[in-house]
């Protein structure tokens, strides 16, 4: 087996992978292949160059980036081949994932001597990571299966997103402990800049809140209470007029229809107070943090108590913001042992 490794022939590694085994074989193969390719993450595209041994030149059509064959292929004076893949990030079945601050594009560089469904003989993960552009807005505006009415010329939205935060959810079924991404926004149109807040949110078993409704508190006075007992949190905003709640599914009405009821408030982005805020619990520090300005996180200290405002004269005349009550659902939370997840 040492002879195969020292020969340095890619096809021998492939044959060895198919017919033999030695300790750390997977690591050896990946390290060998890694020396032969280069990845350039460009602004809107990806360029991968892969040098292959002379024995693989005749099989160049079996080299793939995602599902794309090389965009160019040349034979070097040494007899080796140079495969170049240069494609748009939206092509070749490249997967996109959006996190709080990054856009991540990933796919696999493979050699497939046999057609699918047989596995690739060589596969290496390719990834390009970009910092999320300032002012980036997800490519959707129409709510999924939530409802919110306009008020004072404003239109409010609330929707469930898919796990990558790139579009609307395709399922209403969530395993216990998984995350339920919830997006809410207000159309600013010709209004001055607005800050959207989720002032109150509860889960209930009915589409309309009633005295007999079974409820589970999620947000109270802008405090994401579920973030202290679970792992729910707000994600960084892409615009002040929208908010992303990354809600961890909780043990409530398992297997039944659940509705998320929220009080949406359009507010002045320059003014925060004990009631008009978005606070979540940071477990690493053991403290509450103000989403929009951590330096003012003292406003969140009341989240462990009741967040009652101080009484003022003329309180009825104090600005309350533009408010809409919205309901999202139905969705269903199931035990992890539940099987197939249907789409909506």
C-alpha atoms as a PDB file:
ATOM      1  CA  UNK A   1       0.000   0.000   0.000  1.00  0.00           C
ATOM      2  CA  UNK A   2       2.965   2.329   0.532  1.00  0.00           C
ATOM      3  CA  UNK A   3       3.882   1.872  -3.126  1.00  0.00           C
ATOM      4  CA  UNK A   4       0.497   3.207  -4.229  1.00  0.00           C
ATOM      5  CA  UNK A   5       0.890   6.348  -2.159  1.00  0.00           C
ATOM      6  CA  UNK A   6       4.440   7.116  -3.294  1.00  0.00           C
ATOM      7  CA  UNK A   7       3.613   6.707  -6.978  1.00  0.00           C
ATOM      8  CA  UNK A   8       1.459   9.815  -6.676  1.00  0.00           C
ATOM      9  CA  UNK A   9      -1.083   8.688  -9.280  1.00  0.00           C
ATOM     10  CA  UNK A  10      -4.627   9.868  -8.663  1.00  0.00           C
ATOM     11  CA  UNK A  11      -6.148   6.874 -10.385  1.00  0.00           C
ATOM     12  CA  UNK A  12      -4.277   4.541  -8.011  1.00  0.00           C
ATOM     13  CA  UNK A  13      -5.837   6.336  -5.044  1.00  0.00           C
ATOM     14  CA  UNK A  14      -9.226   5.892  -6.656  1.00  0.00           C
ATOM     15  CA  UNK A  15      -8.648   2.197  -7.242  1.00  0.00           C
ATOM     16  CA  UNK A  16      -7.352   1.831  -3.712  1.00  0.00           C
ATOM     17  CA  UNK A  17     -10.423   3.566  -2.326  1.00  0.00           C
ATOM     18  CA  UNK A  18     -12.665   1.155  -4.220  1.00  0.00           C
ATOM     19  CA  UNK A  19     -10.816  -2.060  -3.364  1.00  0.00           C
ATOM     20  CA  UNK A  20      -8.534  -1.556  -0.349  1.00  0.00           C
ATOM     21  CA  UNK A  21      -8.268   0.020   3.067  1.00  0.00           C
ATOM     22  CA  UNK A  22      -5.537   1.425   5.277  1.00  0.00           C
ATOM     23  CA  UNK A  23      -5.622   3.572   8.444  1.00  0.00           C
ATOM     24  CA  UNK A  24      -6.439   7.255   7.720  1.00  0.00           C
ATOM     25  CA  UNK A  25      -7.099   6.349   4.073  1.00  0.00           C
ATOM     26  CA  UNK A  26      -9.855   8.983   3.725  1.00  0.00           C
ATOM     27  CA  UNK A  27      -7.525  11.666   5.100  1.00  0.00           C
ATOM     28  CA  UNK A  28      -4.685  10.627   2.753  1.00  0.00           C
ATOM     29  CA  UNK A  29      -6.915  10.726  -0.319  1.00  0.00           C
ATOM     30  CA  UNK A  30      -8.406  14.124   0.546  1.00  0.00           C
ATOM     31  CA  UNK A  31      -4.998  15.633   1.301  1.00  0.00           C
ATOM     32  CA  UNK A  32      -3.638  14.321  -2.007  1.00  0.00           C
ATOM     33  CA  UNK A  33      -6.518  15.744  -4.004  1.00  0.00           C
ATOM     34  CA  UNK A  34      -6.400  19.013  -2.079  1.00  0.00           C
ATOM     35  CA  UNK A  35      -2.897  19.701  -3.404  1.00  0.00           C
ATOM     36  CA  UNK A  36      -4.223  19.667  -6.947  1.00  0.00           C
ATOM     37  CA  UNK A  37      -7.027  22.238  -6.906  1.00  0.00           C
ATOM     38  CA  UNK A  38      -7.482  25.927  -6.197  1.00  0.00           C
ATOM     39  CA  UNK A  39     -10.651  27.871  -5.367  1.00  0.00           C
ATOM     40  CA  UNK A  40     -11.248  31.562  -6.147  1.00  0.00           C
ATOM     41  CA  UNK A  41     -14.388  33.048  -4.612  1.00  0.00           C
ATOM     42  CA  UNK A  42     -15.264  35.970  -6.886  1.00  0.00           C
ATOM     43  CA  UNK A  43     -17.945  38.588  -6.356  1.00  0.00           C
ATOM     44  CA  UNK A  44     -20.741  36.782  -8.204  1.00  0.00           C
ATOM     45  CA  UNK A  45     -19.039  33.582  -9.319  1.00  0.00           C
ATOM     46  CA  UNK A  46     -16.699  30.800  -8.292  1.00  0.00           C
ATOM     47  CA  UNK A  47     -13.605  29.628 -10.143  1.00  0.00           C
ATOM     48  CA  UNK A  48     -12.071  26.242  -9.373  1.00  0.00           C
ATOM     49  CA  UNK A  49      -8.979  24.921 -11.148  1.00  0.00           C
ATOM     50  CA  UNK A  50      -8.151  21.229 -10.767  1.00  0.00           C
ATOM     51  CA  UNK A  51      -4.980  19.564 -12.025  1.00  0.00           C
ATOM     52  CA  UNK A  52      -5.470  15.868 -12.742  1.00  0.00           C
ATOM     53  CA  UNK A  53      -3.041  13.092 -13.630  1.00  0.00           C
ATOM     54  CA  UNK A  54      -2.479  12.038 -17.290  1.00  0.00           C
ATOM     55  CA  UNK A  55      -4.484   8.869 -16.689  1.00  0.00           C
ATOM     56  CA  UNK A  56      -7.597  10.950 -15.948  1.00  0.00           C
ATOM     57  CA  UNK A  57      -7.346  13.224 -18.984  1.00  0.00           C
ATOM     58  CA  UNK A  58      -9.517  10.914 -21.088  1.00  0.00           C
ATOM     59  CA  UNK A  59     -12.116  10.940 -18.288  1.00  0.00           C
ATOM     60  CA  UNK A  60     -12.382  14.719 -18.010  1.00  0.00           C
ATOM     61  CA  UNK A  61     -16.130  14.525 -18.660  1.00  0.00           C
ATOM     62  CA  UNK A  62     -16.492  12.713 -15.336  1.00  0.00           C
ATOM     63  CA  UNK A  63     -15.144  15.675 -13.316  1.00  0.00           C
ATOM     64  CA  UNK A  64     -17.867  17.819 -11.731  1.00  0.00           C
ATOM     65  CA  UNK A  65     -18.417  20.934  -9.666  1.00  0.00           C
ATOM     66  CA  UNK A  66     -21.903  20.344  -8.313  1.00  0.00           C
ATOM     67  CA  UNK A  67     -23.568  19.029 -11.465  1.00  0.00           C
ATOM     68  CA  UNK A  68     -21.453  21.110 -13.879  1.00  0.00           C
ATOM     69  CA  UNK A  69     -18.653  19.721 -16.058  1.00  0.00           C
ATOM     70  CA  UNK A  70     -15.488  21.786 -16.580  1.00  0.00           C
ATOM     71  CA  UNK A  71     -16.071  25.044 -18.454  1.00  0.00           C
ATOM     72  CA  UNK A  72     -12.602  24.594 -20.014  1.00  0.00           C
ATOM     73  CA  UNK A  73     -10.132  21.718 -20.076  1.00  0.00           C
ATOM     74  CA  UNK A  74      -6.567  21.718 -21.346  1.00  0.00           C
ATOM     75  CA  UNK A  75      -3.711  19.220 -21.504  1.00  0.00           C
ATOM     76  CA  UNK A  76      -0.434  20.459 -19.997  1.00  0.00           C
ATOM     77  CA  UNK A  77       3.043  19.731 -21.475  1.00  0.00           C
ATOM     78  CA  UNK A  78       3.544  17.235 -18.635  1.00  0.00           C
ATOM     79  CA  UNK A  79       0.566  15.224 -19.905  1.00  0.00           C
ATOM     80  CA  UNK A  80      -1.514  16.253 -16.903  1.00  0.00           C
ATOM     81  CA  UNK A  81      -4.902  17.900 -17.399  1.00  0.00           C
ATOM     82  CA  UNK A  82      -6.148  21.225 -16.080  1.00  0.00           C
ATOM     83  CA  UNK A  83      -9.908  21.429 -15.500  1.00  0.00           C
ATOM     84  CA  UNK A  84     -11.343  24.879 -14.911  1.00  0.00           C
ATOM     85  CA  UNK A  85     -14.836  25.412 -13.501  1.00  0.00           C
ATOM     86  CA  UNK A  86     -15.977  29.037 -13.741  1.00  0.00           C
ATOM     87  CA  UNK A  87     -19.660  29.465 -12.952  1.00  0.00           C
ATOM     88  CA  UNK A  88     -22.152  31.875 -11.425  1.00  0.00           C
ATOM     89  CA  UNK A  89     -22.859  31.266  -7.739  1.00  0.00           C
ATOM     90  CA  UNK A  90     -26.509  30.644  -8.604  1.00  0.00           C
ATOM     91  CA  UNK A  91     -25.680  27.743 -10.920  1.00  0.00           C
ATOM     92  CA  UNK A  92     -24.356  24.171 -10.738  1.00  0.00           C
ATOM     93  CA  UNK A  93     -26.694  23.273  -7.847  1.00  0.00           C
ATOM     94  CA  UNK A  94     -24.547  25.396  -5.528  1.00  0.00           C
ATOM     95  CA  UNK A  95     -26.340  25.697  -2.204  1.00  0.00           C
ATOM     96  CA  UNK A  96     -26.742  29.044  -0.486  1.00  0.00           C
ATOM     97  CA  UNK A  97     -27.138  29.468   3.253  1.00  0.00           C
ATOM     98  CA  UNK A  98     -27.708  32.779   5.012  1.00  0.00           C
ATOM     99  CA  UNK A  99     -26.586  33.238   8.602  1.00  0.00           C
ATOM    100  CA  UNK A 100     -26.782  36.336  10.754  1.00  0.00           C
ATOM    101  CA  UNK A 101     -23.778  38.045   9.140  1.00  0.00           C
ATOM    102  CA  UNK A 102     -22.691  35.803   6.266  1.00  0.00           C
ATOM    103  CA  UNK A 103     -23.757  34.339   2.922  1.00  0.00           C
ATOM    104  CA  UNK A 104     -22.313  30.836   2.517  1.00  0.00           C
ATOM    105  CA  UNK A 105     -22.196  29.044  -0.861  1.00  0.00           C
ATOM    106  CA  UNK A 106     -21.200  25.377  -0.882  1.00  0.00           C
ATOM    107  CA  UNK A 107     -21.012  22.401  -3.234  1.00  0.00           C
ATOM    108  CA  UNK A 108     -18.745  19.404  -3.972  1.00  0.00           C
ATOM    109  CA  UNK A 109     -15.876  18.879  -6.384  1.00  0.00           C
ATOM    110  CA  UNK A 110     -16.140  15.263  -7.534  1.00  0.00           C
ATOM    111  CA  UNK A 111     -14.774  12.611  -9.833  1.00  0.00           C
ATOM    112  CA  UNK A 112     -17.453  10.115 -10.841  1.00  0.00           C
ATOM    113  CA  UNK A 113     -16.141   7.215 -12.943  1.00  0.00           C
ATOM    114  CA  UNK A 114     -19.611   5.702 -12.707  1.00  0.00           C
ATOM    115  CA  UNK A 115     -22.978   7.373 -13.216  1.00  0.00           C
ATOM    116  CA  UNK A 116     -25.328   8.056 -10.350  1.00  0.00           C
ATOM    117  CA  UNK A 117     -26.636   6.592  -8.105  1.00  0.00           C
ATOM    118  CA  UNK A 118     -23.177   5.102  -7.574  1.00  0.00           C
ATOM    119  CA  UNK A 119     -21.143   7.330  -5.228  1.00  0.00           C
ATOM    120  CA  UNK A 120     -18.304   9.555  -6.355  1.00  0.00           C
ATOM    121  CA  UNK A 121     -14.832   8.034  -6.171  1.00  0.00           C
ATOM    122  CA  UNK A 122     -13.437  11.382  -5.021  1.00  0.00           C
ATOM    123  CA  UNK A 123     -15.410  14.169  -3.361  1.00  0.00           C
ATOM    124  CA  UNK A 124     -14.164  17.356  -1.760  1.00  0.00           C
ATOM    125  CA  UNK A 125     -16.306  20.039  -0.136  1.00  0.00           C
ATOM    126  CA  UNK A 126     -16.025  23.524  -1.673  1.00  0.00           C
ATOM    127  CA  UNK A 127     -17.180  26.602   0.221  1.00  0.00           C
ATOM    128  CA  UNK A 128     -17.211  30.360  -0.385  1.00  0.00           C
ATOM    129  CA  UNK A 129     -18.104  32.667   2.503  1.00  0.00           C
ATOM    130  CA  UNK A 130     -19.086  36.313   2.028  1.00  0.00           C
ATOM    131  CA  UNK A 131     -19.893  39.010   4.565  1.00  0.00           C
ATOM    132  CA  UNK A 132     -23.564  39.925   4.197  1.00  0.00           C
ATOM    133  CA  UNK A 133     -23.806  43.173   2.155  1.00  0.00           C
ATOM    134  CA  UNK A 134     -24.970  46.292   3.960  1.00  0.00           C
ATOM    135  CA  UNK A 135     -28.680  46.811   3.322  1.00  0.00           C
ATOM    136  CA  UNK A 136     -29.187  43.275   1.922  1.00  0.00           C
ATOM    137  CA  UNK A 137     -32.846  42.261   1.852  1.00  0.00           C
ATOM    138  CA  UNK A 138     -34.059  38.657   1.476  1.00  0.00           C
ATOM    139  CA  UNK A 139     -35.641  37.964  -1.946  1.00  0.00           C
ATOM    140  CA  UNK A 140     -39.204  37.851  -0.714  1.00  0.00           C
ATOM    141  CA  UNK A 141     -41.841  40.310   0.439  1.00  0.00           C
ATOM    142  CA  UNK A 142     -45.127  38.406   0.266  1.00  0.00           C
ATOM    143  CA  UNK A 143     -46.139  36.719   3.536  1.00  0.00           C
ATOM    144  CA  UNK A 144     -46.606  32.951   3.600  1.00  0.00           C
ATOM    145  CA  UNK A 145     -49.564  31.907   5.681  1.00  0.00           C
ATOM    146  CA  UNK A 146     -49.745  34.744   8.175  1.00  0.00           C
ATOM    147  CA  UNK A 147     -52.075  37.722   8.240  1.00  0.00           C
ATOM    148  CA  UNK A 148     -51.729  41.378   9.166  1.00  0.00           C
ATOM    149  CA  UNK A 149     -53.859  44.330   8.225  1.00  0.00           C
ATOM    150  CA  UNK A 150     -52.732  47.809   7.255  1.00  0.00           C
ATOM    151  CA  UNK A 151     -53.037  50.695   9.702  1.00  0.00           C
ATOM    152  CA  UNK A 152     -52.534  54.390   9.099  1.00  0.00           C
ATOM    153  CA  UNK A 153     -51.410  53.744   5.540  1.00  0.00           C
ATOM    154  CA  UNK A 154     -48.894  51.088   6.633  1.00  0.00           C
ATOM    155  CA  UNK A 155     -48.875  47.441   5.577  1.00  0.00           C
ATOM    156  CA  UNK A 156     -47.516  44.841   8.010  1.00  0.00           C
ATOM    157  CA  UNK A 157     -46.247  41.357   7.113  1.00  0.00           C
ATOM    158  CA  UNK A 158     -45.430  38.234   9.085  1.00  0.00           C
ATOM    159  CA  UNK A 159     -44.245  34.925   7.622  1.00  0.00           C
ATOM    160  CA  UNK A 160     -42.464  31.647   8.301  1.00  0.00           C
ATOM    161  CA  UNK A 161     -39.124  31.275   6.500  1.00  0.00           C
ATOM    162  CA  UNK A 162     -37.173  28.232   5.374  1.00  0.00           C
ATOM    163  CA  UNK A 163     -34.165  27.118   7.410  1.00  0.00           C
ATOM    164  CA  UNK A 164     -31.727  29.012   5.155  1.00  0.00           C
ATOM    165  CA  UNK A 165     -33.665  32.285   5.544  1.00  0.00           C
ATOM    166  CA  UNK A 166     -33.727  32.623   1.750  1.00  0.00           C
ATOM    167  CA  UNK A 167     -37.451  32.229   1.120  1.00  0.00           C
ATOM    168  CA  UNK A 168     -40.790  31.236   2.495  1.00  0.00           C
ATOM    169  CA  UNK A 169     -41.241  28.013   4.450  1.00  0.00           C
ATOM    170  CA  UNK A 170     -42.448  24.956   2.559  1.00  0.00           C
ATOM    171  CA  UNK A 171     -43.619  23.065   5.618  1.00  0.00           C
ATOM    172  CA  UNK A 172     -45.746  23.806   8.648  1.00  0.00           C
ATOM    173  CA  UNK A 173     -44.402  20.855  10.652  1.00  0.00           C
ATOM    174  CA  UNK A 174     -41.454  21.372  13.031  1.00  0.00           C
ATOM    175  CA  UNK A 175     -39.689  18.694  15.102  1.00  0.00           C
ATOM    176  CA  UNK A 176     -39.361  19.547  18.793  1.00  0.00           C
ATOM    177  CA  UNK A 177     -36.145  21.497  19.367  1.00  0.00           C
ATOM    178  CA  UNK A 178     -35.752  22.616  15.747  1.00  0.00           C
ATOM    179  CA  UNK A 179     -35.874  26.298  14.836  1.00  0.00           C
ATOM    180  CA  UNK A 180     -38.856  28.205  13.461  1.00  0.00           C
ATOM    181  CA  UNK A 181     -37.608  31.307  11.602  1.00  0.00           C
ATOM    182  CA  UNK A 182     -40.239  34.067  11.770  1.00  0.00           C
ATOM    183  CA  UNK A 183     -39.972  37.219   9.683  1.00  0.00           C
ATOM    184  CA  UNK A 184     -42.017  40.354  10.303  1.00  0.00           C
ATOM    185  CA  UNK A 185     -41.842  43.663   8.471  1.00  0.00           C
ATOM    186  CA  UNK A 186     -43.650  46.900   7.800  1.00  0.00           C
ATOM    187  CA  UNK A 187     -43.668  48.567   4.376  1.00  0.00           C
ATOM    188  CA  UNK A 188     -42.218  52.017   4.865  1.00  0.00           C
ATOM    189  CA  UNK A 189     -43.218  53.492   1.494  1.00  0.00           C
ATOM    190  CA  UNK A 190     -43.147  57.291   1.934  1.00  0.00           C
ATOM    191  CA  UNK A 191     -43.017  57.230   5.718  1.00  0.00           C
ATOM    192  CA  UNK A 192     -40.054  58.328   7.795  1.00  0.00           C
ATOM    193  CA  UNK A 193     -37.717  55.480   8.830  1.00  0.00           C
ATOM    194  CA  UNK A 194     -39.524  53.012  11.061  1.00  0.00           C
ATOM    195  CA  UNK A 195     -38.393  50.412  13.560  1.00  0.00           C
ATOM    196  CA  UNK A 196     -40.479  47.239  13.691  1.00  0.00           C
ATOM    197  CA  UNK A 197     -40.814  45.622  17.106  1.00  0.00           C
ATOM    198  CA  UNK A 198     -42.500  42.465  18.342  1.00  0.00           C
ATOM    199  CA  UNK A 199     -43.942  43.816  21.566  1.00  0.00           C
ATOM    200  CA  UNK A 200     -45.895  40.713  22.567  1.00  0.00           C
ATOM    201  CA  UNK A 201     -46.006  37.185  21.140  1.00  0.00           C
ATOM    202  CA  UNK A 202     -47.718  34.041  22.402  1.00  0.00           C
ATOM    203  CA  UNK A 203     -48.384  30.620  20.967  1.00  0.00           C
ATOM    204  CA  UNK A 204     -51.973  29.447  21.192  1.00  0.00           C
ATOM    205  CA  UNK A 205     -54.061  26.518  20.062  1.00  0.00           C
ATOM    206  CA  UNK A 206     -56.700  28.755  18.466  1.00  0.00           C
ATOM    207  CA  UNK A 207     -56.553  31.259  15.577  1.00  0.00           C
ATOM    208  CA  UNK A 208     -58.268  33.800  17.822  1.00  0.00           C
ATOM    209  CA  UNK A 209     -57.189  34.446  21.386  1.00  0.00           C
ATOM    210  CA  UNK A 210     -59.932  33.532  23.829  1.00  0.00           C
ATOM    211  CA  UNK A 211     -60.114  33.276  27.584  1.00  0.00           C
ATOM    212  CA  UNK A 212     -60.118  29.490  27.278  1.00  0.00           C
ATOM    213  CA  UNK A 213     -57.184  29.366  24.830  1.00  0.00           C
ATOM    214  CA  UNK A 214     -54.142  27.389  25.891  1.00  0.00           C
ATOM    215  CA  UNK A 215     -51.180  29.787  25.498  1.00  0.00           C
ATOM    216  CA  UNK A 216     -47.384  29.717  25.725  1.00  0.00           C
ATOM    217  CA  UNK A 217     -45.585  33.091  26.253  1.00  0.00           C
ATOM    218  CA  UNK A 218     -42.808  33.879  23.769  1.00  0.00           C
ATOM    219  CA  UNK A 219     -42.236  37.654  23.959  1.00  0.00           C
ATOM    220  CA  UNK A 220     -43.400  39.953  26.757  1.00  0.00           C
ATOM    221  CA  UNK A 221     -42.847  43.740  26.644  1.00  0.00           C
ATOM    222  CA  UNK A 222     -40.213  43.185  23.958  1.00  0.00           C
ATOM    223  CA  UNK A 223     -38.352  40.565  26.028  1.00  0.00           C
ATOM    224  CA  UNK A 224     -37.790  37.240  24.267  1.00  0.00           C
ATOM    225  CA  UNK A 225     -38.604  35.160  27.334  1.00  0.00           C
ATOM    226  CA  UNK A 226     -38.191  31.867  25.503  1.00  0.00           C
ATOM    227  CA  UNK A 227     -34.541  32.732  24.869  1.00  0.00           C
ATOM    228  CA  UNK A 228     -33.687  32.223  28.536  1.00  0.00           C
ATOM    229  CA  UNK A 229     -35.253  28.790  28.877  1.00  0.00           C
ATOM    230  CA  UNK A 230     -34.379  27.681  25.333  1.00  0.00           C
ATOM    231  CA  UNK A 231     -32.116  28.908  22.526  1.00  0.00           C
ATOM    232  CA  UNK A 232     -34.428  31.360  20.775  1.00  0.00           C
ATOM    233  CA  UNK A 233     -32.942  34.689  19.708  1.00  0.00           C
ATOM    234  CA  UNK A 234     -33.305  37.630  17.362  1.00  0.00           C
ATOM    235  CA  UNK A 235     -31.032  37.650  14.311  1.00  0.00           C
ATOM    236  CA  UNK A 236     -29.215  40.839  13.217  1.00  0.00           C
ATOM    237  CA  UNK A 237     -31.496  43.149  11.246  1.00  0.00           C
ATOM    238  CA  UNK A 238     -31.025  43.738   7.521  1.00  0.00           C
ATOM    239  CA  UNK A 239     -33.251  46.841   7.867  1.00  0.00           C
ATOM    240  CA  UNK A 240     -34.886  48.627  10.776  1.00  0.00           C
ATOM    241  CA  UNK A 241     -38.351  47.997   9.296  1.00  0.00           C
ATOM    242  CA  UNK A 242     -37.992  44.194   9.567  1.00  0.00           C
ATOM    243  CA  UNK A 243     -37.149  41.741  12.326  1.00  0.00           C
ATOM    244  CA  UNK A 244     -36.110  38.065  12.285  1.00  0.00           C
ATOM    245  CA  UNK A 245     -37.064  35.864  15.223  1.00  0.00           C
ATOM    246  CA  UNK A 246     -35.185  32.556  15.371  1.00  0.00           C
ATOM    247  CA  UNK A 247     -37.620  30.665  17.579  1.00  0.00           C
ATOM    248  CA  UNK A 248     -36.703  27.235  18.920  1.00  0.00           C
ATOM    249  CA  UNK A 249     -39.731  24.953  18.832  1.00  0.00           C
ATOM    250  CA  UNK A 250     -40.979  24.235  22.340  1.00  0.00           C
ATOM    251  CA  UNK A 251     -42.969  21.556  24.139  1.00  0.00           C
ATOM    252  CA  UNK A 252     -46.462  22.944  23.682  1.00  0.00           C
ATOM    253  CA  UNK A 253     -49.587  21.316  22.223  1.00  0.00           C
ATOM    254  CA  UNK A 254     -47.474  18.642  20.531  1.00  0.00           C
ATOM    255  CA  UNK A 255     -49.154  17.264  17.431  1.00  0.00           C
ATOM    256  CA  UNK A 256     -51.875  19.932  17.493  1.00  0.00           C
ATOM    257  CA  UNK A 257     -52.368  23.060  15.415  1.00  0.00           C
ATOM    258  CA  UNK A 258     -50.518  26.028  16.902  1.00  0.00           C
ATOM    259  CA  UNK A 259     -50.901  29.718  16.048  1.00  0.00           C
ATOM    260  CA  UNK A 260     -48.358  32.458  16.770  1.00  0.00           C
ATOM    261  CA  UNK A 261     -50.089  35.665  17.874  1.00  0.00           C
ATOM    262  CA  UNK A 262     -47.953  38.808  17.866  1.00  0.00           C
ATOM    263  CA  UNK A 263     -48.422  42.489  18.518  1.00  0.00           C
ATOM    264  CA  UNK A 264     -46.407  44.331  15.866  1.00  0.00           C
ATOM    265  CA  UNK A 265     -45.381  47.927  16.584  1.00  0.00           C
ATOM    266  CA  UNK A 266     -43.909  50.441  14.122  1.00  0.00           C
ATOM    267  CA  UNK A 267     -41.749  52.760  16.192  1.00  0.00           C
ATOM    268  CA  UNK A 268     -39.178  55.560  16.019  1.00  0.00           C
ATOM    269  CA  UNK A 269     -35.775  53.888  15.385  1.00  0.00           C
ATOM    270  CA  UNK A 270     -34.016  56.535  17.447  1.00  0.00           C
ATOM    271  CA  UNK A 271     -36.084  56.067  20.601  1.00  0.00           C
ATOM    272  CA  UNK A 272     -36.064  53.043  22.913  1.00  0.00           C
ATOM    273  CA  UNK A 273     -37.745  52.746  26.272  1.00  0.00           C
ATOM    274  CA  UNK A 274     -38.682  50.114  28.823  1.00  0.00           C
ATOM    275  CA  UNK A 275     -41.630  48.959  26.694  1.00  0.00           C
ATOM    276  CA  UNK A 276     -40.456  49.697  23.137  1.00  0.00           C
ATOM    277  CA  UNK A 277     -37.446  47.445  22.673  1.00  0.00           C
ATOM    278  CA  UNK A 278     -36.237  44.077  21.391  1.00  0.00           C
ATOM    279  CA  UNK A 279     -34.253  42.174  24.020  1.00  0.00           C
ATOM    280  CA  UNK A 280     -32.847  38.663  23.925  1.00  0.00           C
ATOM    281  CA  UNK A 281     -30.860  36.648  26.439  1.00  0.00           C
ATOM    282  CA  UNK A 282     -27.178  35.974  25.693  1.00  0.00           C
ATOM    283  CA  UNK A 283     -26.304  32.732  27.448  1.00  0.00           C
ATOM    284  CA  UNK A 284     -22.554  33.215  26.972  1.00  0.00           C
ATOM    285  CA  UNK A 285     -22.653  36.350  29.148  1.00  0.00           C
ATOM    286  CA  UNK A 286     -25.708  35.472  31.244  1.00  0.00           C
ATOM    287  CA  UNK A 287     -27.228  38.872  30.456  1.00  0.00           C
ATOM    288  CA  UNK A 288     -30.036  40.438  28.456  1.00  0.00           C
ATOM    289  CA  UNK A 289     -29.003  42.455  25.391  1.00  0.00           C
ATOM    290  CA  UNK A 290     -30.778  45.128  23.363  1.00  0.00           C
ATOM    291  CA  UNK A 291     -30.819  43.923  19.752  1.00  0.00           C
ATOM    292  CA  UNK A 292     -30.487  47.356  18.144  1.00  0.00           C
ATOM    293  CA  UNK A 293     -27.986  48.979  20.507  1.00  0.00           C
ATOM    294  CA  UNK A 294     -26.188  46.760  23.044  1.00  0.00           C
ATOM    295  CA  UNK A 295     -24.856  49.889  24.778  1.00  0.00           C
ATOM    296  CA  UNK A 296     -28.417  50.562  25.976  1.00  0.00           C
ATOM    297  CA  UNK A 297     -28.958  47.032  27.295  1.00  0.00           C
ATOM    298  CA  UNK A 298     -29.854  48.439  30.717  1.00  0.00           C
ATOM    299  CA  UNK A 299     -33.358  48.811  29.256  1.00  0.00           C
ATOM    300  CA  UNK A 300     -33.506  45.015  29.222  1.00  0.00           C
ATOM    301  CA  UNK A 301     -32.773  44.495  32.920  1.00  0.00           C
ATOM    302  CA  UNK A 302     -36.488  44.511  33.668  1.00  0.00           C
ATOM    303  CA  UNK A 303     -36.915  41.377  31.535  1.00  0.00           C
ATOM    304  CA  UNK A 304     -36.388  39.320  34.689  1.00  0.00           C
ATOM    305  CA  UNK A 305     -39.259  41.142  36.390  1.00  0.00           C
ATOM    306  CA  UNK A 306     -42.262  42.909  34.845  1.00  0.00           C
ATOM    307  CA  UNK A 307     -40.983  45.871  32.753  1.00  0.00           C
ATOM    308  CA  UNK A 308     -43.669  48.196  34.088  1.00  0.00           C
ATOM    309  CA  UNK A 309     -43.217  51.808  32.932  1.00  0.00           C
ATOM    310  CA  UNK A 310     -43.078  54.641  35.391  1.00  0.00           C
ATOM    311  CA  UNK A 311     -46.344  56.537  35.606  1.00  0.00           C
ATOM    312  CA  UNK A 312     -46.260  59.941  33.950  1.00  0.00           C
ATOM    313  CA  UNK A 313     -48.673  62.819  33.724  1.00  0.00           C
ATOM    314  CA  UNK A 314     -50.697  62.764  30.585  1.00  0.00           C
ATOM    315  CA  UNK A 315     -49.680  59.211  29.875  1.00  0.00           C
ATOM    316  CA  UNK A 316     -52.661  58.790  27.562  1.00  0.00           C
ATOM    317  CA  UNK A 317     -51.141  61.354  25.261  1.00  0.00           C
ATOM    318  CA  UNK A 318     -47.776  59.571  25.062  1.00  0.00           C
ATOM    319  CA  UNK A 319     -47.034  58.186  21.560  1.00  0.00           C
ATOM    320  CA  UNK A 320     -47.793  54.452  21.361  1.00  0.00           C
ATOM    321  CA  UNK A 321     -46.608  53.761  17.811  1.00  0.00           C
ATOM    322  CA  UNK A 322     -48.637  52.185  15.034  1.00  0.00           C
ATOM    323  CA  UNK A 323     -49.827  48.795  16.238  1.00  0.00           C
ATOM    324  CA  UNK A 324     -51.160  45.708  14.479  1.00  0.00           C
ATOM    325  CA  UNK A 325     -52.137  42.338  15.881  1.00  0.00           C
ATOM    326  CA  UNK A 326     -51.034  39.528  13.601  1.00  0.00           C
ATOM    327  CA  UNK A 327     -51.466  35.762  13.636  1.00  0.00           C
ATOM    328  CA  UNK A 328     -49.264  33.180  11.917  1.00  0.00           C
ATOM    329  CA  UNK A 329     -50.228  29.574  11.337  1.00  0.00           C
ATOM    330  CA  UNK A 330     -51.348  26.958  11.756  1.00  0.00           C
ATOM    331  CA  UNK A 331     -48.099  25.124  12.397  1.00  0.00           C
ATOM    332  CA  UNK A 332     -47.493  21.891  14.268  1.00  0.00           C
ATOM    333  CA  UNK A 333     -44.709  20.910  16.658  1.00  0.00           C
ATOM    334  CA  UNK A 334     -44.019  17.174  16.814  1.00  0.00           C
ATOM    335  CA  UNK A 335     -41.759  14.819  18.728  1.00  0.00           C
ATOM    336  CA  UNK A 336     -38.517  13.986  16.895  1.00  0.00           C
ATOM    337  CA  UNK A 337     -39.737  10.424  16.413  1.00  0.00           C
ATOM    338  CA  UNK A 338     -42.457  11.644  14.036  1.00  0.00           C
ATOM    339  CA  UNK A 339     -41.789  10.533  10.487  1.00  0.00           C
ATOM    340  CA  UNK A 340     -42.413  12.215   7.146  1.00  0.00           C
ATOM    341  CA  UNK A 341     -42.918  15.966   7.097  1.00  0.00           C
ATOM    342  CA  UNK A 342     -45.614  17.080   4.646  1.00  0.00           C
ATOM    343  CA  UNK A 343     -45.388  20.308   2.687  1.00  0.00           C
ATOM    344  CA  UNK A 344     -48.032  23.013   2.515  1.00  0.00           C
END
